Amino acid sequence: MPREAIDGKEGVTVTLTTPGGSFDFTGLGYALDFVLPNFFFHVTTAYALLRHKGVPIGKLDYLGGL
């Protein structure tokens, strides 16, 4: 997706439709309140599953290069 497709869209209404109903966000609210928490939930879950299966990863692997 080109950068121009999302630049300046912070205030645009984004509607998320699910079987349980629909939710309206601003573009910024969608990114900060829905997308980022979901991203980090899935990263953390994958990390936990890998650790549980014995993959030798640690906190610094999760955090990346500091």
Foldseek 3Di string as FASTA:
>chain_A
DDPVVCPPQQQPWDWDQDPVGIDIDGNVCCVPVPVVVVVVVVLVVVVVVCVVVPNPDDDCVSVDDD
